[in-house]
Amino acid sequence: MKKIVSTAKAPAAIGPYAQAVRIDNLVITSGQLPIDPATGAFPEGIQAQTRQSLTNVKAILEEAGLTMNSVLKTTVFLSDMNNFAAMNEVYATFFTEGSFPARSAVEVARLPKDALVEIEVIAAV
């Protein structure tokens, strides 16, 4: 049975989608832009935006009773692949070495609100 996961500690959905959905033993998040839920603004730069996107993911997972160690797979969307190394530095701080999730990282033509990064995850309960 599908259950919607929602928290005020991450940006509210701005369209016909949920922050995350739990079905059976999986939690699947929507892509998280680097929006600070308190201000509605983006921080400056790829590292700060990566940190905010992953902080949003973490808040959603915590609402579902999970941690970042529950993440099986991430997809990272970058507006510029030249930002990969800087994104990766911050990304690595959110996961425990030895239990890193699988990951895809792709450059896209444009992200909503001209964000530099958007991240989605699949986690196991």
PDB file of N, CA and C in Angstrom:
ATOM      1  N   MET A   1       0.835  -1.176   0.000  1.00  0.00           N
ATOM      2  CA  MET A   1       0.000   0.000   0.000  1.00  0.00           C
ATOM      3  C   MET A   1       0.888   1.250   0.000  1.00  0.00           C
ATOM      4  N   LYS A   2       0.572   2.186  -0.845  1.00  0.00           N
ATOM      5  CA  LYS A   2       1.350   3.413  -0.987  1.00  0.00           C
ATOM      6  C   LYS A   2       0.993   4.402   0.111  1.00  0.00           C
ATOM      7  N   LYS A   3       2.043   5.011   0.702  1.00  0.00           N
ATOM      8  CA  LYS A   3       1.861   6.035   1.733  1.00  0.00           C
ATOM      9  C   LYS A   3       2.710   7.242   1.359  1.00  0.00           C
ATOM     10  N   ILE A   4       2.132   8.425   1.457  1.00  0.00           N
ATOM     11  CA  ILE A   4       2.839   9.668   1.169  1.00  0.00           C
ATOM     12  C   ILE A   4       3.677  10.050   2.390  1.00  0.00           C
ATOM     13  N   VAL A   5       4.916  10.453   2.144  1.00  0.00           N
ATOM     14  CA  VAL A   5       5.806  10.938   3.199  1.00  0.00           C
ATOM     15  C   VAL A   5       5.963  12.440   2.991  1.00  0.00           C
ATOM     16  N   SER A   6       5.744  13.206   4.058  1.00  0.00           N
ATOM     17  CA  SER A   6       5.816  14.656   3.948  1.00  0.00           C
ATOM     18  C   SER A   6       6.327  15.251   5.255  1.00  0.00           C
ATOM     19  N   THR A   7       7.173  16.281   5.143  1.00  0.00           N
ATOM     20  CA  THR A   7       7.697  16.980   6.312  1.00  0.00           C
ATOM     21  C   THR A   7       7.847  18.464   6.012  1.00  0.00           C
ATOM     22  N   ALA A   8       7.638  19.268   7.028  1.00  0.00           N
ATOM     23  CA  ALA A   8       7.857  20.717   6.896  1.00  0.00           C
ATOM     24  C   ALA A   8       9.344  21.059   6.942  1.00  0.00           C
ATOM     25  N   LYS A   9      10.197  20.071   7.248  1.00  0.00           N
ATOM     26  CA  LYS A   9      11.641  20.303   7.331  1.00  0.00           C
ATOM     27  C   LYS A   9      12.324  20.234   5.965  1.00  0.00           C
ATOM     28  N   ALA A  10      11.532  20.030   4.917  1.00  0.00           N
ATOM     29  CA  ALA A  10      12.015  20.048   3.528  1.00  0.00           C
ATOM     30  C   ALA A  10      11.014  20.872   2.726  1.00  0.00           C
ATOM     31  N   PRO A  11      11.432  21.381   1.570  1.00  0.00           N
ATOM     32  CA  PRO A  11      10.514  22.208   0.777  1.00  0.00           C
ATOM     33  C   PRO A  11       9.240  21.448   0.412  1.00  0.00           C
ATOM     34  N   ALA A  12       8.123  22.121   0.515  1.00  0.00           N
ATOM     35  CA  ALA A  12       6.841  21.526   0.124  1.00  0.00           C
ATOM     36  C   ALA A  12       6.827  21.297  -1.386  1.00  0.00           C
ATOM     37  N   ALA A  13       6.105  20.283  -1.801  1.00  0.00           N
ATOM     38  CA  ALA A  13       5.927  20.032  -3.230  1.00  0.00           C
ATOM     39  C   ALA A  13       5.217  21.234  -3.856  1.00  0.00           C
ATOM     40  N   ILE A  14       5.691  21.659  -5.009  1.00  0.00           N
ATOM     41  CA  ILE A  14       5.097  22.829  -5.667  1.00  0.00           C
ATOM     42  C   ILE A  14       4.299  22.428  -6.900  1.00  0.00           C
ATOM     43  N   GLY A  15       3.921  21.175  -6.960  1.00  0.00           N
ATOM     44  CA  GLY A  15       3.149  20.662  -8.075  1.00  0.00           C
ATOM     45  C   GLY A  15       2.441  19.383  -7.651  1.00  0.00           C
ATOM     46  N   PRO A  16       1.926  18.652  -8.617  1.00  0.00           N
ATOM     47  CA  PRO A  16       1.188  17.426  -8.305  1.00  0.00           C
ATOM     48  C   PRO A  16       2.116  16.230  -8.057  1.00  0.00           C
ATOM     49  N   TYR A  17       2.909  16.338  -7.004  1.00  0.00           N
ATOM     50  CA  TYR A  17       3.809  15.252  -6.617  1.00  0.00           C
ATOM     51  C   TYR A  17       4.021  15.300  -5.113  1.00  0.00           C
ATOM     52  N   ALA A  18       4.546  14.215  -4.566  1.00  0.00           N
ATOM     53  CA  ALA A  18       4.824  14.116  -3.129  1.00  0.00           C
ATOM     54  C   ALA A  18       6.319  14.288  -2.891  1.00  0.00           C
ATOM     55  N   GLN A  19       6.694  14.707  -1.675  1.00  0.00           N
ATOM     56  CA  GLN A  19       8.111  14.748  -1.321  1.00  0.00           C
ATOM     57  C   GLN A  19       8.705  13.348  -1.436  1.00  0.00           C
ATOM     58  N   ALA A  20       7.934  12.359  -1.001  1.00  0.00           N
ATOM     59  CA  ALA A  20       8.363  10.957  -1.111  1.00  0.00           C
ATOM     60  C   ALA A  20       7.152  10.055  -1.008  1.00  0.00           C
ATOM     61  N   VAL A  21       7.361   8.834  -1.449  1.00  0.00           N
ATOM     62  CA  VAL A  21       6.337   7.803  -1.368  1.00  0.00           C
ATOM     63  C   VAL A  21       6.967   6.569  -0.749  1.00  0.00           C
ATOM     64  N   ARG A  22       6.243   5.962   0.189  1.00  0.00           N
ATOM     65  CA  ARG A  22       6.681   4.686   0.757  1.00  0.00           C
ATOM     66  C   ARG A  22       5.748   3.610   0.231  1.00  0.00           C
ATOM     67  N   ILE A  23       6.346   2.551  -0.293  1.00  0.00           N
ATOM     68  CA  ILE A  23       5.577   1.387  -0.726  1.00  0.00           C
ATOM     69  C   ILE A  23       6.360   0.152  -0.302  1.00  0.00           C
ATOM     70  N   ASP A  24       5.688  -0.706   0.436  1.00  0.00           N
ATOM     71  CA  ASP A  24       6.339  -1.881   1.013  1.00  0.00           C
ATOM     72  C   ASP A  24       7.586  -1.444   1.783  1.00  0.00           C
ATOM     73  N   ASN A  25       8.752  -1.939   1.398  1.00  0.00           N
ATOM     74  CA  ASN A  25       9.984  -1.628   2.132  1.00  0.00           C
ATOM     75  C   ASN A  25      10.831  -0.562   1.453  1.00  0.00           C
ATOM     76  N   LEU A  26      10.246   0.207   0.548  1.00  0.00           N
ATOM     77  CA  LEU A  26      11.002   1.239  -0.153  1.00  0.00           C
ATOM     78  C   LEU A  26      10.436   2.628   0.119  1.00  0.00           C
ATOM     79  N   VAL A  27      11.340   3.598   0.205  1.00  0.00           N
ATOM     80  CA  VAL A  27      10.959   5.008   0.213  1.00  0.00           C
ATOM     81  C   VAL A  27      11.665   5.637  -0.978  1.00  0.00           C
ATOM     82  N   ILE A  28      10.884   6.282  -1.831  1.00  0.00           N
ATOM     83  CA  ILE A  28      11.404   6.910  -3.043  1.00  0.00           C
ATOM     84  C   ILE A  28      11.113   8.398  -2.951  1.00  0.00           C
ATOM     85  N   THR A  29      12.169   9.205  -2.967  1.00  0.00           N
ATOM     86  CA  THR A  29      11.960  10.649  -2.879  1.00  0.00           C
ATOM     87  C   THR A  29      11.823  11.253  -4.267  1.00  0.00           C
ATOM     88  N   SER A  30      11.149  12.371  -4.311  1.00  0.00           N
ATOM     89  CA  SER A  30      11.184  13.210  -5.503  1.00  0.00           C
ATOM     90  C   SER A  30      12.536  13.911  -5.512  1.00  0.00           C
ATOM     91  N   GLY A  31      12.909  14.457  -6.643  1.00  0.00           N
ATOM     92  CA  GLY A  31      14.143  15.211  -6.715  1.00  0.00           C
ATOM     93  C   GLY A  31      14.089  16.391  -5.761  1.00  0.00           C
ATOM     94  N   GLN A  32      15.162  16.569  -5.003  1.00  0.00           N
ATOM     95  CA  GLN A  32      15.214  17.656  -4.026  1.00  0.00           C
ATOM     96  C   GLN A  32      16.130  18.764  -4.528  1.00  0.00           C
ATOM     97  N   LEU A  33      15.519  19.904  -4.770  1.00  0.00           N
ATOM     98  CA  LEU A  33      16.279  21.093  -5.129  1.00  0.00           C
ATOM     99  C   LEU A  33      16.918  21.658  -3.862  1.00  0.00           C
ATOM    100  N   PRO A  34      17.891  22.537  -4.003  1.00  0.00           N
ATOM    101  CA  PRO A  34      18.574  23.100  -2.841  1.00  0.00           C
ATOM    102  C   PRO A  34      17.814  24.266  -2.209  1.00  0.00           C
ATOM    103  N   ILE A  35      16.532  24.088  -1.997  1.00  0.00           N
ATOM    104  CA  ILE A  35      15.702  25.138  -1.416  1.00  0.00           C
ATOM    105  C   ILE A  35      15.748  25.026   0.104  1.00  0.00           C
ATOM    106  N   ASP A  36      16.089  26.112   0.760  1.00  0.00           N
ATOM    107  CA  ASP A  36      16.026  26.172   2.219  1.00  0.00           C
ATOM    108  C   ASP A  36      14.548  26.282   2.585  1.00  0.00           C
ATOM    109  N   PRO A  37      13.987  25.292   3.299  1.00  0.00           N
ATOM    110  CA  PRO A  37      12.552  25.340   3.585  1.00  0.00           C
ATOM    111  C   PRO A  37      12.143  26.519   4.474  1.00  0.00           C
ATOM    112  N   ALA A  38      13.077  27.078   5.224  1.00  0.00           N
ATOM    113  CA  ALA A  38      12.765  28.217   6.098  1.00  0.00           C
ATOM    114  C   ALA A  38      12.642  29.515   5.320  1.00  0.00           C
ATOM    115  N   THR A  39      13.443  29.658   4.255  1.00  0.00           N
ATOM    116  CA  THR A  39      13.474  30.932   3.527  1.00  0.00           C
ATOM    117  C   THR A  39      12.929  30.836   2.105  1.00  0.00           C
ATOM    118  N   GLY A  40      12.905  29.616   1.549  1.00  0.00           N
ATOM    119  CA  GLY A  40      12.490  29.444   0.161  1.00  0.00           C
ATOM    120  C   GLY A  40      13.574  29.812  -0.837  1.00  0.00           C
ATOM    121  N   ALA A  41      14.787  30.120  -0.348  1.00  0.00           N
ATOM    122  CA  ALA A  41      15.876  30.565  -1.210  1.00  0.00           C
ATOM    123  C   ALA A  41      16.914  29.466  -1.413  1.00  0.00           C
ATOM    124  N   PHE A  42      17.698  29.619  -2.471  1.00  0.00           N
ATOM    125  CA  PHE A  42      18.847  28.759  -2.734  1.00  0.00           C
ATOM    126  C   PHE A  42      20.085  29.368  -2.081  1.00  0.00           C
ATOM    127  N   PRO A  43      20.967  28.538  -1.521  1.00  0.00           N
ATOM    128  CA  PRO A  43      22.277  29.059  -1.131  1.00  0.00           C
ATOM    129  C   PRO A  43      23.126  29.268  -2.387  1.00  0.00           C
ATOM    130  N   GLU A  44      24.236  29.957  -2.246  1.00  0.00           N
ATOM    131  CA  GLU A  44      25.132  30.233  -3.367  1.00  0.00           C
ATOM    132  C   GLU A  44      26.149  29.109  -3.550  1.00  0.00           C
ATOM    133  N   GLY A  45      26.402  28.722  -4.782  1.00  0.00           N
ATOM    134  CA  GLY A  45      27.473  27.791  -5.110  1.00  0.00           C
ATOM    135  C   GLY A  45      27.073  26.324  -5.044  1.00  0.00           C
ATOM    136  N   ILE A  46      27.816  25.516  -5.773  1.00  0.00           N
ATOM    137  CA  ILE A  46      27.500  24.098  -5.894  1.00  0.00           C
ATOM    138  C   ILE A  46      27.627  23.354  -4.574  1.00  0.00           C
ATOM    139  N   GLN A  47      28.634  23.656  -3.760  1.00  0.00           N
ATOM    140  CA  GLN A  47      28.791  22.920  -2.504  1.00  0.00           C
ATOM    141  C   GLN A  47      27.645  23.218  -1.541  1.00  0.00           C
ATOM    142  N   ALA A  48      27.287  24.460  -1.396  1.00  0.00           N
ATOM    143  CA  ALA A  48      26.172  24.820  -0.515  1.00  0.00           C
ATOM    144  C   ALA A  48      24.851  24.269  -1.046  1.00  0.00           C
ATOM    145  N   GLN A  49      24.690  24.281  -2.363  1.00  0.00           N
ATOM    146  CA  GLN A  49      23.454  23.740  -2.933  1.00  0.00           C
ATOM    147  C   GLN A  49      23.385  22.222  -2.768  1.00  0.00           C
ATOM    148  N   THR A  50      24.507  21.541  -2.923  1.00  0.00           N
ATOM    149  CA  THR A  50      24.527  20.086  -2.707  1.00  0.00           C
ATOM    150  C   THR A  50      24.177  19.784  -1.248  1.00  0.00           C
ATOM    151  N   ARG A  51      24.781  20.518  -0.324  1.00  0.00           N
ATOM    152  CA  ARG A  51      24.504  20.324   1.108  1.00  0.00           C
ATOM    153  C   ARG A  51      23.017  20.518   1.395  1.00  0.00           C
ATOM    154  N   GLN A  52      22.402  21.553   0.822  1.00  0.00           N
ATOM    155  CA  GLN A  52      20.988  21.813   1.076  1.00  0.00           C
ATOM    156  C   GLN A  52      20.103  20.734   0.465  1.00  0.00           C
ATOM    157  N   SER A  53      20.408  20.305  -0.758  1.00  0.00           N
ATOM    158  CA  SER A  53      19.616  19.235  -1.379  1.00  0.00           C
ATOM    159  C   SER A  53      19.661  17.969  -0.531  1.00  0.00           C
ATOM    160  N   LEU A  54      20.856  17.611  -0.061  1.00  0.00           N
ATOM    161  CA  LEU A  54      20.987  16.395   0.748  1.00  0.00           C
ATOM    162  C   LEU A  54      20.402  16.576   2.149  1.00  0.00           C
ATOM    163  N   THR A  55      20.437  17.771   2.687  1.00  0.00           N
ATOM    164  CA  THR A  55      19.777  18.041   3.966  1.00  0.00           C
ATOM    165  C   THR A  55      18.271  17.854   3.810  1.00  0.00           C
ATOM    166  N   ASN A  56      17.726  18.282   2.680  1.00  0.00           N
ATOM    167  CA  ASN A  56      16.304  18.081   2.401  1.00  0.00           C
ATOM    168  C   ASN A  56      15.976  16.593   2.287  1.00  0.00           C
ATOM    169  N   VAL A  57      16.825  15.844   1.576  1.00  0.00           N
ATOM    170  CA  VAL A  57      16.631  14.393   1.463  1.00  0.00           C
ATOM    171  C   VAL A  57      16.651  13.760   2.854  1.00  0.00           C
ATOM    172  N   LYS A  58      17.635  14.138   3.654  1.00  0.00           N
ATOM    173  CA  LYS A  58      17.778  13.580   5.003  1.00  0.00           C
ATOM    174  C   LYS A  58      16.531  13.841   5.847  1.00  0.00           C
ATOM    175  N   ALA A  59      15.981  15.042   5.770  1.00  0.00           N
ATOM    176  CA  ALA A  59      14.775  15.385   6.531  1.00  0.00           C
ATOM    177  C   ALA A  59      13.589  14.521   6.116  1.00  0.00           C
ATOM    178  N   ILE A  60      13.459  14.279   4.834  1.00  0.00           N
ATOM    179  CA  ILE A  60      12.366  13.441   4.332  1.00  0.00           C
ATOM    180  C   ILE A  60      12.545  12.006   4.824  1.00  0.00           C
ATOM    181  N   LEU A  61      13.768  11.492   4.718  1.00  0.00           N
ATOM    182  CA  LEU A  61      14.027  10.135   5.183  1.00  0.00           C
ATOM    183  C   LEU A  61      13.772  10.007   6.684  1.00  0.00           C
ATOM    184  N   GLU A  62      14.182  10.998   7.457  1.00  0.00           N
ATOM    185  CA  GLU A  62      13.937  10.971   8.903  1.00  0.00           C
ATOM    186  C   GLU A  62      12.446  10.939   9.205  1.00  0.00           C
ATOM    187  N   GLU A  63      11.650  11.655   8.423  1.00  0.00           N
ATOM    188  CA  GLU A  63      10.194  11.628   8.597  1.00  0.00           C
ATOM    189  C   GLU A  63       9.651  10.213   8.374  1.00  0.00           C
ATOM    190  N   ALA A  64      10.305   9.465   7.491  1.00  0.00           N
ATOM    191  CA  ALA A  64       9.911   8.079   7.209  1.00  0.00           C
ATOM    192  C   ALA A  64      10.558   7.092   8.187  1.00  0.00           C
ATOM    193  N   GLY A  65      11.340   7.611   9.148  1.00  0.00           N
ATOM    194  CA  GLY A  65      11.989   6.747  10.130  1.00  0.00           C
ATOM    195  C   GLY A  65      13.290   6.131   9.652  1.00  0.00           C
ATOM    196  N   LEU A  66      13.903   6.742   8.646  1.00  0.00           N
ATOM    197  CA  LEU A  66      15.125   6.205   8.049  1.00  0.00           C
ATOM    198  C   LEU A  66      16.299   7.163   8.247  1.00  0.00           C
ATOM    199  N   THR A  67      17.486   6.703   7.880  1.00  0.00           N
ATOM    200  CA  THR A  67      18.693   7.528   7.902  1.00  0.00           C
ATOM    201  C   THR A  67      19.313   7.498   6.511  1.00  0.00           C
ATOM    202  N   MET A  68      20.365   8.264   6.338  1.00  0.00           N
ATOM    203  CA  MET A  68      21.074   8.265   5.061  1.00  0.00           C
ATOM    204  C   MET A  68      21.708   6.894   4.786  1.00  0.00           C
ATOM    205  N   ASN A  69      21.985   6.118   5.826  1.00  0.00           N
ATOM    206  CA  ASN A  69      22.521   4.770   5.618  1.00  0.00           C
ATOM    207  C   ASN A  69      21.491   3.818   5.033  1.00  0.00           C
ATOM    208  N   SER A  70      20.224   4.239   4.992  1.00  0.00           N
ATOM    209  CA  SER A  70      19.160   3.434   4.385  1.00  0.00           C
ATOM    210  C   SER A  70      19.109   3.591   2.867  1.00  0.00           C
ATOM    211  N   VAL A  71      19.855   4.565   2.339  1.00  0.00           N
ATOM    212  CA  VAL A  71      19.791   4.874   0.904  1.00  0.00           C
ATOM    213  C   VAL A  71      20.483   3.783   0.096  1.00  0.00           C
ATOM    214  N   LEU A  72      19.747   3.250  -0.884  1.00  0.00           N
ATOM    215  CA  LEU A  72      20.272   2.233  -1.798  1.00  0.00           C
ATOM    216  C   LEU A  72      20.847   2.857  -3.062  1.00  0.00           C
ATOM    217  N   LYS A  73      20.179   3.920  -3.553  1.00  0.00           N
ATOM    218  CA  LYS A  73      20.528   4.489  -4.868  1.00  0.00           C
ATOM    219  C   LYS A  73      20.228   5.976  -4.864  1.00  0.00           C
ATOM    220  N   THR A  74      21.137   6.752  -5.432  1.00  0.00           N
ATOM    221  CA  THR A  74      20.891   8.177  -5.633  1.00  0.00           C
ATOM    222  C   THR A  74      21.016   8.494  -7.116  1.00  0.00           C
ATOM    223  N   THR A  75      20.316   9.534  -7.502  1.00  0.00           N
ATOM    224  CA  THR A  75      20.508  10.117  -8.828  1.00  0.00           C
ATOM    225  C   THR A  75      20.786  11.596  -8.608  1.00  0.00           C
ATOM    226  N   VAL A  76      21.911  12.047  -9.132  1.00  0.00           N
ATOM    227  CA  VAL A  76      22.331  13.444  -8.993  1.00  0.00           C
ATOM    228  C   VAL A  76      22.247  14.097 -10.370  1.00  0.00           C
ATOM    229  N   PHE A  77      21.471  15.149 -10.448  1.00  0.00           N
ATOM    230  CA  PHE A  77      21.339  15.920 -11.681  1.00  0.00           C
ATOM    231  C   PHE A  77      22.151  17.198 -11.507  1.00  0.00           C
ATOM    232  N   LEU A  78      23.083  17.433 -12.403  1.00  0.00           N
ATOM    233  CA  LEU A  78      23.935  18.617 -12.358  1.00  0.00           C
ATOM    234  C   LEU A  78      23.681  19.491 -13.579  1.00  0.00           C
ATOM    235  N   SER A  79      23.663  20.793 -13.373  1.00  0.00           N
ATOM    236  CA  SER A  79      23.510  21.707 -14.507  1.00  0.00           C
ATOM    237  C   SER A  79      24.825  21.854 -15.271  1.00  0.00           C
ATOM    238  N   ASP A  80      25.930  21.445 -14.644  1.00  0.00           N
ATOM    239  CA  ASP A  80      27.254  21.545 -15.269  1.00  0.00           C
ATOM    240  C   ASP A  80      28.147  20.459 -14.683  1.00  0.00           C
ATOM    241  N   MET A  81      28.583  19.519 -15.514  1.00  0.00           N
ATOM    242  CA  MET A  81      29.411  18.411 -15.037  1.00  0.00           C
ATOM    243  C   MET A  81      30.756  18.894 -14.495  1.00  0.00           C
ATOM    244  N   ASN A  82      31.155  20.119 -14.813  1.00  0.00           N
ATOM    245  CA  ASN A  82      32.367  20.676 -14.226  1.00  0.00           C
ATOM    246  C   ASN A  82      32.237  20.857 -12.707  1.00  0.00           C
ATOM    247  N   ASN A  83      31.011  20.808 -12.192  1.00  0.00           N
ATOM    248  CA  ASN A  83      30.768  20.918 -10.755  1.00  0.00           C
ATOM    249  C   ASN A  83      30.825  19.562 -10.043  1.00  0.00           C
ATOM    250  N   PHE A  84      31.111  18.493 -10.784  1.00  0.00           N
ATOM    251  CA  PHE A  84      31.061  17.147 -10.206  1.00  0.00           C
ATOM    252  C   PHE A  84      31.982  16.986  -8.997  1.00  0.00           C
ATOM    253  N   ALA A  85      33.236  17.375  -9.104  1.00  0.00           N
ATOM    254  CA  ALA A  85      34.193  17.166  -8.007  1.00  0.00           C
ATOM    255  C   ALA A  85      33.768  17.922  -6.753  1.00  0.00           C
ATOM    256  N   ALA A  86      33.333  19.163  -6.901  1.00  0.00           N
ATOM    257  CA  ALA A  86      32.901  19.952  -5.743  1.00  0.00           C
ATOM    258  C   ALA A  86      31.637  19.364  -5.123  1.00  0.00           C
ATOM    259  N   MET A  87      30.696  18.907  -5.963  1.00  0.00           N
ATOM    260  CA  MET A  87      29.499  18.248  -5.457  1.00  0.00           C
ATOM    261  C   MET A  87      29.893  16.999  -4.694  1.00  0.00           C
ATOM    262  N   ASN A  88      30.811  16.218  -5.265  1.00  0.00           N
ATOM    263  CA  ASN A  88      31.204  14.937  -4.695  1.00  0.00           C
ATOM    264  C   ASN A  88      31.839  15.089  -3.310  1.00  0.00           C
ATOM    265  N   GLU A  89      32.586  16.166  -3.093  1.00  0.00           N
ATOM    266  CA  GLU A  89      33.190  16.418  -1.781  1.00  0.00           C
ATOM    267  C   GLU A  89      32.119  16.515  -0.697  1.00  0.00           C
ATOM    268  N   VAL A  90      31.076  17.268  -0.966  1.00  0.00           N
ATOM    269  CA  VAL A  90      29.993  17.429   0.008  1.00  0.00           C
ATOM    270  C   VAL A  90      29.173  16.149   0.101  1.00  0.00           C
ATOM    271  N   TYR A  91      28.846  15.567  -1.031  1.00  0.00           N
ATOM    272  CA  TYR A  91      28.052  14.331  -1.088  1.00  0.00           C
ATOM    273  C   TYR A  91      28.653  13.261  -0.178  1.00  0.00           C
ATOM    274  N   ALA A  92      29.969  13.088  -0.227  1.00  0.00           N
ATOM    275  CA  ALA A  92      30.642  12.043   0.549  1.00  0.00           C
ATOM    276  C   ALA A  92      30.442  12.219   2.047  1.00  0.00           C
ATOM    277  N   THR A  93      30.212  13.435   2.519  1.00  0.00           N
ATOM    278  CA  THR A  93      30.047  13.674   3.955  1.00  0.00           C
ATOM    279  C   THR A  93      28.688  13.211   4.478  1.00  0.00           C
ATOM    280  N   PHE A  94      27.753  12.921   3.597  1.00  0.00           N
ATOM    281  CA  PHE A  94      26.413  12.504   4.010  1.00  0.00           C
ATOM    282  C   PHE A  94      26.257  10.992   4.123  1.00  0.00           C
ATOM    283  N   PHE A  95      27.269  10.250   3.682  1.00  0.00           N
ATOM    284  CA  PHE A  95      27.165   8.793   3.673  1.00  0.00           C
ATOM    285  C   PHE A  95      28.357   8.179   4.395  1.00  0.00           C
ATOM    286  N   THR A  96      28.154   6.992   4.954  1.00  0.00           N
ATOM    287  CA  THR A  96      29.201   6.292   5.678  1.00  0.00           C
ATOM    288  C   THR A  96      30.035   5.471   4.705  1.00  0.00           C
ATOM    289  N   GLU A  97      31.345   5.698   4.738  1.00  0.00           N
ATOM    290  CA  GLU A  97      32.238   4.939   3.866  1.00  0.00           C
ATOM    291  C   GLU A  97      32.073   3.454   4.156  1.00  0.00           C
ATOM    292  N   GLY A  98      32.036   2.667   3.119  1.00  0.00           N
ATOM    293  CA  GLY A  98      31.809   1.236   3.258  1.00  0.00           C
ATOM    294  C   GLY A  98      30.355   0.861   3.026  1.00  0.00           C
ATOM    295  N   SER A  99      29.466   1.848   3.095  1.00  0.00           N
ATOM    296  CA  SER A  99      28.057   1.574   2.799  1.00  0.00           C
ATOM    297  C   SER A  99      27.483   2.645   1.867  1.00  0.00           C
ATOM    298  N   PHE A 100      28.365   3.177   0.989  1.00  0.00           N
ATOM    299  CA  PHE A 100      27.899   4.157   0.011  1.00  0.00           C
ATOM    300  C   PHE A 100      26.796   3.547  -0.852  1.00  0.00           C
ATOM    301  N   PRO A 101      25.794   4.346  -1.230  1.00  0.00           N
ATOM    302  CA  PRO A 101      24.766   3.835  -2.133  1.00  0.00           C
ATOM    303  C   PRO A 101      25.272   3.786  -3.576  1.00  0.00           C
ATOM    304  N   ALA A 102      24.551   3.077  -4.408  1.00  0.00           N
ATOM    305  CA  ALA A 102      24.786   3.155  -5.846  1.00  0.00           C
ATOM    306  C   ALA A 102      24.409   4.578  -6.281  1.00  0.00           C
ATOM    307  N   ARG A 103      24.989   5.049  -7.392  1.00  0.00           N
ATOM    308  CA  ARG A 103      24.706   6.425  -7.799  1.00  0.00           C
ATOM    309  C   ARG A 103      24.837   6.583  -9.302  1.00  0.00           C
ATOM    310  N   SER A 104      23.978   7.423  -9.833  1.00  0.00           N
ATOM    311  CA  SER A 104      24.128   7.943 -11.190  1.00  0.00           C
ATOM    312  C   SER A 104      24.252   9.448 -11.062  1.00  0.00           C
ATOM    313  N   ALA A 105      25.085  10.041 -11.892  1.00  0.00           N
ATOM    314  CA  ALA A 105      25.221  11.501 -11.927  1.00  0.00           C
ATOM    315  C   ALA A 105      25.214  11.911 -13.391  1.00  0.00           C
ATOM    316  N   VAL A 106      24.317  12.811 -13.721  1.00  0.00           N
ATOM    317  CA  VAL A 106      24.173  13.231 -15.109  1.00  0.00           C
ATOM    318  C   VAL A 106      24.081  14.752 -15.205  1.00  0.00           C
ATOM    319  N   GLU A 107      24.584  15.265 -16.312  1.00  0.00           N
ATOM    320  CA  GLU A 107      24.419  16.690 -16.609  1.00  0.00           C
ATOM    321  C   GLU A 107      23.132  16.848 -17.391  1.00  0.00           C
ATOM    322  N   VAL A 108      22.371  17.852 -17.012  1.00  0.00           N
ATOM    323  CA  VAL A 108      21.112  18.138 -17.695  1.00  0.00           C
ATOM    324  C   VAL A 108      21.166  19.552 -18.267  1.00  0.00           C
ATOM    325  N   ALA A 109      20.327  19.832 -19.237  1.00  0.00           N
ATOM    326  CA  ALA A 109      20.336  21.145 -19.878  1.00  0.00           C
ATOM    327  C   ALA A 109      19.950  22.260 -18.916  1.00  0.00           C
ATOM    328  N   ARG A 110      18.993  21.954 -18.026  1.00  0.00           N
ATOM    329  CA  ARG A 110      18.533  22.980 -17.095  1.00  0.00           C
ATOM    330  C   ARG A 110      17.742  22.311 -15.978  1.00  0.00           C
ATOM    331  N   LEU A 111      17.836  22.870 -14.785  1.00  0.00           N
ATOM    332  CA  LEU A 111      17.074  22.387 -13.638  1.00  0.00           C
ATOM    333  C   LEU A 111      16.044  23.442 -13.236  1.00  0.00           C
ATOM    334  N   PRO A 112      14.979  23.031 -12.546  1.00  0.00           N
ATOM    335  CA  PRO A 112      13.987  24.009 -12.114  1.00  0.00           C
ATOM    336  C   PRO A 112      14.626  25.147 -11.316  1.00  0.00           C
ATOM    337  N   LYS A 113      14.135  26.345 -11.547  1.00  0.00           N
ATOM    338  CA  LYS A 113      14.601  27.551 -10.865  1.00  0.00           C
ATOM    339  C   LYS A 113      16.095  27.796 -11.064  1.00  0.00           C
ATOM    340  N   ASP A 114      16.660  27.191 -12.121  1.00  0.00           N
ATOM    341  CA  ASP A 114      18.082  27.323 -12.452  1.00  0.00           C
ATOM    342  C   ASP A 114      19.006  26.847 -11.334  1.00  0.00           C
ATOM    343  N   ALA A 115      18.560  25.822 -10.606  1.00  0.00           N
ATOM    344  CA  ALA A 115      19.406  25.213  -9.573  1.00  0.00           C
ATOM    345  C   ALA A 115      20.645  24.623 -10.231  1.00  0.00           C
ATOM    346  N   LEU A 116      21.697  24.464  -9.436  1.00  0.00           N
ATOM    347  CA  LEU A 116      22.927  23.835  -9.914  1.00  0.00           C
ATOM    348  C   LEU A 116      22.883  22.321  -9.739  1.00  0.00           C
ATOM    349  N   VAL A 117      22.013  21.834  -8.813  1.00  0.00           N
ATOM    350  CA  VAL A 117      21.957  20.400  -8.503  1.00  0.00           C
ATOM    351  C   VAL A 117      20.541  20.041  -8.028  1.00  0.00           C
ATOM    352  N   GLU A 118      20.164  18.805  -8.294  1.00  0.00           N
ATOM    353  CA  GLU A 118      18.931  18.217  -7.774  1.00  0.00           C
ATOM    354  C   GLU A 118      19.246  16.756  -7.490  1.00  0.00           C
ATOM    355  N   ILE A 119      18.778  16.247  -6.350  1.00  0.00           N
ATOM    356  CA  ILE A 119      19.128  14.880  -5.948  1.00  0.00           C
ATOM    357  C   ILE A 119      17.872  14.135  -5.521  1.00  0.00           C
ATOM    358  N   GLU A 120      17.747  12.891  -6.003  1.00  0.00           N
ATOM    359  CA  GLU A 120      16.667  12.000  -5.586  1.00  0.00           C
ATOM    360  C   GLU A 120      17.265  10.698  -5.090  1.00  0.00           C
ATOM    361  N   VAL A 121      16.529  10.000  -4.209  1.00  0.00           N
ATOM    362  CA  VAL A 121      17.049   8.749  -3.667  1.00  0.00           C
ATOM    363  C   VAL A 121      15.967   7.674  -3.584  1.00  0.00           C
ATOM    364  N   ILE A 122      16.458   6.446  -3.518  1.00  0.00           N
ATOM    365  CA  ILE A 122      15.635   5.281  -3.194  1.00  0.00           C
ATOM    366  C   ILE A 122      16.249   4.684  -1.944  1.00  0.00           C
ATOM    367  N   ALA A 123      15.438   4.484  -0.910  1.00  0.00           N
ATOM    368  CA  ALA A 123      15.927   3.963   0.363  1.00  0.00           C
ATOM    369  C   ALA A 123      15.122   2.734   0.767  1.00  0.00           C
ATOM    370  N   ALA A 124      15.744   1.883   1.573  1.00  0.00           N
ATOM    371  CA  ALA A 124      15.084   0.669   2.067  1.00  0.00           C
ATOM    372  C   ALA A 124      14.748   0.829   3.543  1.00  0.00           C
ATOM    373  N   VAL A 125      13.572   0.344   3.893  1.00  0.00           N
ATOM    374  CA  VAL A 125      13.134   0.354   5.281  1.00  0.00           C
ATOM    375  C   VAL A 125      13.744  -0.823   6.000  1.00  0.00           C
TER     376      VAL A 125
END
